[in-house]
Amino acid sequence: MGNDYVLDTYVFVHSMSKSDSDYDLDCVGLLWNIKEKNKVICIDIEGEILQEYKKHDFYKDRFTGEIWRIMEGTNRIKRIYGKLSNKNKENLIKRKFDSDDFKFLAVANRTPSKKLVSGDSDYDEENVHEYICKKMRIVLQKPIDALNEMK
């Protein structure tokens, strides 16, 4: 099943939403379960993912900020060196994948579970999804799928 997760910024943004949509609640539930079930959040050692999270003020939000502080305090934020190969970059660009999200794929590619959780539609394009899952062997999950996996 795996203990580690790479979380696209999308998960934090929807966890901070004040709506009670099923999707936003799935993101809240996912973060809560990652904390409660001693899972690990993986980010890049270079700090690009953290900078993107910070652009959305996740640290100032009462819920996401507290989850992050607890995860940091219990050493469950793992920093991983990860770079995509030029071949992977070229193939993803050909498929019109957003290069801003390369950092998430690079880290997921280096984790034991290879799990990347996102609701971003960029990952849903058929040729992108297939390439990431089959060629790169990264496990793409929607927040609800990752949450259900933990139950």
C-alpha atoms as a PDB file:
ATOM      1  CA  MET A   1       0.000   0.000   0.000  1.00  0.00           C
ATOM      2  CA  GLY A   2       2.811   2.439   0.742  1.00  0.00           C
ATOM      3  CA  ASN A   3       3.348   5.015   3.404  1.00  0.00           C
ATOM      4  CA  ASP A   4       4.385   8.002   1.301  1.00  0.00           C
ATOM      5  CA  TYR A   5       2.413  10.486  -0.774  1.00  0.00           C
ATOM      6  CA  VAL A   6       3.281  13.340  -3.101  1.00  0.00           C
ATOM      7  CA  LEU A   7       0.457  15.869  -2.936  1.00  0.00           C
ATOM      8  CA  ASP A   8      -0.237  18.268  -5.767  1.00  0.00           C
ATOM      9  CA  THR A   9      -0.969  21.804  -4.535  1.00  0.00           C
ATOM     10  CA  TYR A  10      -4.556  21.147  -5.591  1.00  0.00           C
ATOM     11  CA  VAL A  11      -5.060  19.001  -2.464  1.00  0.00           C
ATOM     12  CA  PHE A  12      -4.013  21.822  -0.107  1.00  0.00           C
ATOM     13  CA  VAL A  13      -6.031  24.446  -1.977  1.00  0.00           C
ATOM     14  CA  HIS A  14      -9.205  22.370  -1.744  1.00  0.00           C
ATOM     15  CA  SER A  15      -8.510  21.512   1.903  1.00  0.00           C
ATOM     16  CA  MET A  16      -8.543  25.232   2.666  1.00  0.00           C
ATOM     17  CA  SER A  17     -11.849  25.787   0.890  1.00  0.00           C
ATOM     18  CA  LYS A  18     -14.707  26.746   3.142  1.00  0.00           C
ATOM     19  CA  SER A  19     -17.205  24.844   0.994  1.00  0.00           C
ATOM     20  CA  ASP A  20     -18.661  21.526   1.964  1.00  0.00           C
ATOM     21  CA  SER A  21     -18.454  19.975  -1.494  1.00  0.00           C
ATOM     22  CA  ASP A  22     -17.626  16.286  -1.522  1.00  0.00           C
ATOM     23  CA  TYR A  23     -14.381  17.006  -3.319  1.00  0.00           C
ATOM     24  CA  ASP A  24     -13.177  19.568  -0.774  1.00  0.00           C
ATOM     25  CA  LEU A  25     -14.158  17.268   2.077  1.00  0.00           C
ATOM     26  CA  ASP A  26     -12.219  14.409   0.431  1.00  0.00           C
ATOM     27  CA  CYS A  27      -9.109  16.617   0.444  1.00  0.00           C
ATOM     28  CA  VAL A  28      -9.639  17.495   4.117  1.00  0.00           C
ATOM     29  CA  GLY A  29     -10.163  13.812   4.934  1.00  0.00           C
ATOM     30  CA  LEU A  30      -7.039  12.836   3.046  1.00  0.00           C
ATOM     31  CA  LEU A  31      -4.823  15.292   4.933  1.00  0.00           C
ATOM     32  CA  TRP A  32      -6.384  14.264   8.234  1.00  0.00           C
ATOM     33  CA  ASN A  33      -5.797  10.570   7.531  1.00  0.00           C
ATOM     34  CA  ILE A  34      -2.230  11.152   6.392  1.00  0.00           C
ATOM     35  CA  LYS A  35      -1.610  12.783   9.765  1.00  0.00           C
ATOM     36  CA  GLU A  36      -3.550  10.254  11.845  1.00  0.00           C
ATOM     37  CA  LYS A  37      -2.247   7.126  10.130  1.00  0.00           C
ATOM     38  CA  ASN A  38       1.426   8.131  10.298  1.00  0.00           C
ATOM     39  CA  LYS A  39       1.845   8.563   6.562  1.00  0.00           C
ATOM     40  CA  VAL A  40       4.585  10.689   4.981  1.00  0.00           C
ATOM     41  CA  ILE A  41       4.319  13.669   2.627  1.00  0.00           C
ATOM     42  CA  CYS A  42       7.165  13.850   0.118  1.00  0.00           C
ATOM     43  CA  ILE A  43       8.425  17.089  -1.392  1.00  0.00           C
ATOM     44  CA  ASP A  44      11.496  18.034  -3.412  1.00  0.00           C
ATOM     45  CA  ILE A  45      14.760  18.804  -1.673  1.00  0.00           C
ATOM     46  CA  GLU A  46      15.129  21.953  -3.800  1.00  0.00           C
ATOM     47  CA  GLY A  47      12.015  23.471  -2.204  1.00  0.00           C
ATOM     48  CA  GLU A  48       9.976  24.141  -5.349  1.00  0.00           C
ATOM     49  CA  ILE A  49       6.934  22.229  -4.091  1.00  0.00           C
ATOM     50  CA  LEU A  50       7.010  23.977  -0.717  1.00  0.00           C
ATOM     51  CA  GLN A  51       7.261  27.357  -2.479  1.00  0.00           C
ATOM     52  CA  GLU A  52       4.194  26.504  -4.528  1.00  0.00           C
ATOM     53  CA  TYR A  53       2.287  25.465  -1.403  1.00  0.00           C
ATOM     54  CA  LYS A  54       3.309  28.727   0.267  1.00  0.00           C
ATOM     55  CA  LYS A  55       2.037  30.801  -2.679  1.00  0.00           C
ATOM     56  CA  HIS A  56      -1.412  29.613  -1.639  1.00  0.00           C
ATOM     57  CA  ASP A  57      -0.876  30.527   2.038  1.00  0.00           C
ATOM     58  CA  PHE A  58      -1.513  26.962   3.155  1.00  0.00           C
ATOM     59  CA  TYR A  59       0.661  27.566   6.217  1.00  0.00           C
ATOM     60  CA  LYS A  60      -1.605  30.409   7.382  1.00  0.00           C
ATOM     61  CA  ASP A  61      -4.754  28.316   7.113  1.00  0.00           C
ATOM     62  CA  ARG A  62      -5.792  26.938  10.484  1.00  0.00           C
ATOM     63  CA  PHE A  63      -6.359  23.367   9.287  1.00  0.00           C
ATOM     64  CA  THR A  64      -3.648  22.867   6.656  1.00  0.00           C
ATOM     65  CA  GLY A  65      -1.107  24.872   8.639  1.00  0.00           C
ATOM     66  CA  GLU A  66      -1.657  22.769  11.749  1.00  0.00           C
ATOM     67  CA  ILE A  67      -1.437  19.507   9.775  1.00  0.00           C
ATOM     68  CA  TRP A  68       1.843  20.688   8.233  1.00  0.00           C
ATOM     69  CA  ARG A  69       3.320  21.728  11.593  1.00  0.00           C
ATOM     70  CA  ILE A  70       2.436  18.355  13.101  1.00  0.00           C
ATOM     71  CA  MET A  71       3.897  16.514  10.114  1.00  0.00           C
ATOM     72  CA  GLU A  72       7.109  18.561  10.322  1.00  0.00           C
ATOM     73  CA  GLY A  73       7.313  18.105  14.090  1.00  0.00           C
ATOM     74  CA  THR A  74       7.073  14.335  13.736  1.00  0.00           C
ATOM     75  CA  ASN A  75       9.563  14.169  10.840  1.00  0.00           C
ATOM     76  CA  ARG A  76       6.953  13.061   8.324  1.00  0.00           C
ATOM     77  CA  ILE A  77       7.813  15.592   5.637  1.00  0.00           C
ATOM     78  CA  LYS A  78      10.400  13.810   3.529  1.00  0.00           C
ATOM     79  CA  ARG A  79      12.580  15.828   1.173  1.00  0.00           C
ATOM     80  CA  ILE A  80      13.628  13.899  -1.905  1.00  0.00           C
ATOM     81  CA  TYR A  81      15.961  14.737  -4.743  1.00  0.00           C
ATOM     82  CA  GLY A  82      14.150  14.208  -7.991  1.00  0.00           C
ATOM     83  CA  LYS A  83      14.674  15.300 -11.566  1.00  0.00           C
ATOM     84  CA  LEU A  84      12.812  14.089 -14.616  1.00  0.00           C
ATOM     85  CA  SER A  85      14.839  12.715 -17.474  1.00  0.00           C
ATOM     86  CA  ASN A  86      14.946  14.768 -20.643  1.00  0.00           C
ATOM     87  CA  LYS A  87      13.096  11.938 -22.381  1.00  0.00           C
ATOM     88  CA  ASN A  88      10.217  12.128 -19.893  1.00  0.00           C
ATOM     89  CA  LYS A  89      10.108  15.922 -20.133  1.00  0.00           C
ATOM     90  CA  GLU A  90       9.991  15.811 -23.932  1.00  0.00           C
ATOM     91  CA  ASN A  91       7.253  13.168 -23.950  1.00  0.00           C
ATOM     92  CA  LEU A  92       5.151  15.098 -21.465  1.00  0.00           C
ATOM     93  CA  ILE A  93       5.577  18.386 -23.304  1.00  0.00           C
ATOM     94  CA  LYS A  94       4.504  16.645 -26.539  1.00  0.00           C
ATOM     95  CA  ARG A  95       1.340  15.652 -24.683  1.00  0.00           C
ATOM     96  CA  LYS A  96       0.816  19.280 -23.603  1.00  0.00           C
ATOM     97  CA  PHE A  97       1.385  18.523 -19.922  1.00  0.00           C
ATOM     98  CA  ASP A  98       2.005  21.600 -17.759  1.00  0.00           C
ATOM     99  CA  SER A  99       5.760  21.762 -17.122  1.00  0.00           C
ATOM    100  CA  ASP A 100       5.076  23.519 -13.783  1.00  0.00           C
ATOM    101  CA  ASP A 101       3.976  20.120 -12.489  1.00  0.00           C
ATOM    102  CA  PHE A 102       7.203  18.309 -13.440  1.00  0.00           C
ATOM    103  CA  LYS A 103       8.422  18.731  -9.847  1.00  0.00           C
ATOM    104  CA  PHE A 104       5.576  16.570  -8.503  1.00  0.00           C
ATOM    105  CA  LEU A 105       6.252  13.806 -11.019  1.00  0.00           C
ATOM    106  CA  ALA A 106       9.996  13.951 -10.334  1.00  0.00           C
ATOM    107  CA  VAL A 107       9.465  13.410  -6.610  1.00  0.00           C
ATOM    108  CA  ALA A 108       6.764  10.745  -7.058  1.00  0.00           C
ATOM    109  CA  ASN A 109       9.096   8.895  -9.394  1.00  0.00           C
ATOM    110  CA  ARG A 110      11.663   8.610  -6.578  1.00  0.00           C
ATOM    111  CA  THR A 111       9.381   7.529  -3.722  1.00  0.00           C
ATOM    112  CA  PRO A 112       8.906   3.882  -2.750  1.00  0.00           C
ATOM    113  CA  SER A 113       5.153   3.916  -3.470  1.00  0.00           C
ATOM    114  CA  LYS A 114       5.356   6.240  -6.510  1.00  0.00           C
ATOM    115  CA  LYS A 115       2.018   7.803  -5.474  1.00  0.00           C
ATOM    116  CA  LEU A 116       0.951  11.227  -6.647  1.00  0.00           C
ATOM    117  CA  VAL A 117      -2.390  12.599  -5.451  1.00  0.00           C
ATOM    118  CA  SER A 118      -4.042  15.301  -7.513  1.00  0.00           C
ATOM    119  CA  GLY A 119      -7.363  16.424  -8.845  1.00  0.00           C
ATOM    120  CA  ASP A 120      -5.763  18.654 -11.453  1.00  0.00           C
ATOM    121  CA  SER A 121      -7.285  18.040 -14.892  1.00  0.00           C
ATOM    122  CA  ASP A 122      -3.804  18.083 -16.514  1.00  0.00           C
ATOM    123  CA  TYR A 123      -3.300  14.545 -15.275  1.00  0.00           C
ATOM    124  CA  ASP A 124      -6.648  13.381 -16.682  1.00  0.00           C
ATOM    125  CA  GLU A 125      -5.851  13.850 -20.345  1.00  0.00           C
ATOM    126  CA  GLU A 126      -5.820  10.323 -21.714  1.00  0.00           C
ATOM    127  CA  ASN A 127      -2.414  10.449 -23.399  1.00  0.00           C
ATOM    128  CA  VAL A 128      -0.860  12.157 -20.341  1.00  0.00           C
ATOM    129  CA  HIS A 129      -2.446   9.771 -17.827  1.00  0.00           C
ATOM    130  CA  GLU A 130      -1.395   6.729 -19.813  1.00  0.00           C
ATOM    131  CA  TYR A 131       2.181   7.941 -20.191  1.00  0.00           C
ATOM    132  CA  ILE A 132       2.569   8.769 -16.500  1.00  0.00           C
ATOM    133  CA  CYS A 133       1.013   5.521 -15.297  1.00  0.00           C
ATOM    134  CA  LYS A 134       2.352   3.064 -17.855  1.00  0.00           C
ATOM    135  CA  LYS A 135       5.684   4.506 -18.942  1.00  0.00           C
ATOM    136  CA  MET A 136       6.738   6.239 -15.735  1.00  0.00           C
ATOM    137  CA  ARG A 137       4.874   3.767 -13.482  1.00  0.00           C
ATOM    138  CA  ILE A 138       3.619   6.512 -11.211  1.00  0.00           C
ATOM    139  CA  VAL A 139       0.388   5.782  -9.377  1.00  0.00           C
ATOM    140  CA  LEU A 140      -1.954   8.720  -9.989  1.00  0.00           C
ATOM    141  CA  GLN A 141      -4.738   8.996  -7.449  1.00  0.00           C
ATOM    142  CA  LYS A 142      -7.648  11.336  -6.909  1.00  0.00           C
ATOM    143  CA  PRO A 143      -7.976  12.401  -3.258  1.00  0.00           C
ATOM    144  CA  ILE A 144     -10.984  10.086  -2.751  1.00  0.00           C
ATOM    145  CA  ASP A 145      -8.985   7.103  -4.069  1.00  0.00           C
ATOM    146  CA  ALA A 146      -6.052   7.776  -1.741  1.00  0.00           C
ATOM    147  CA  LEU A 147      -8.480   8.290   1.135  1.00  0.00           C
ATOM    148  CA  ASN A 148     -10.314   5.022   0.429  1.00  0.00           C
ATOM    149  CA  GLU A 149      -7.011   3.185   0.191  1.00  0.00           C
ATOM    150  CA  MET A 150      -6.234   4.212   3.773  1.00  0.00           C
ATOM    151  CA  LYS A 151      -9.481   2.856   5.208  1.00  0.00           C
END
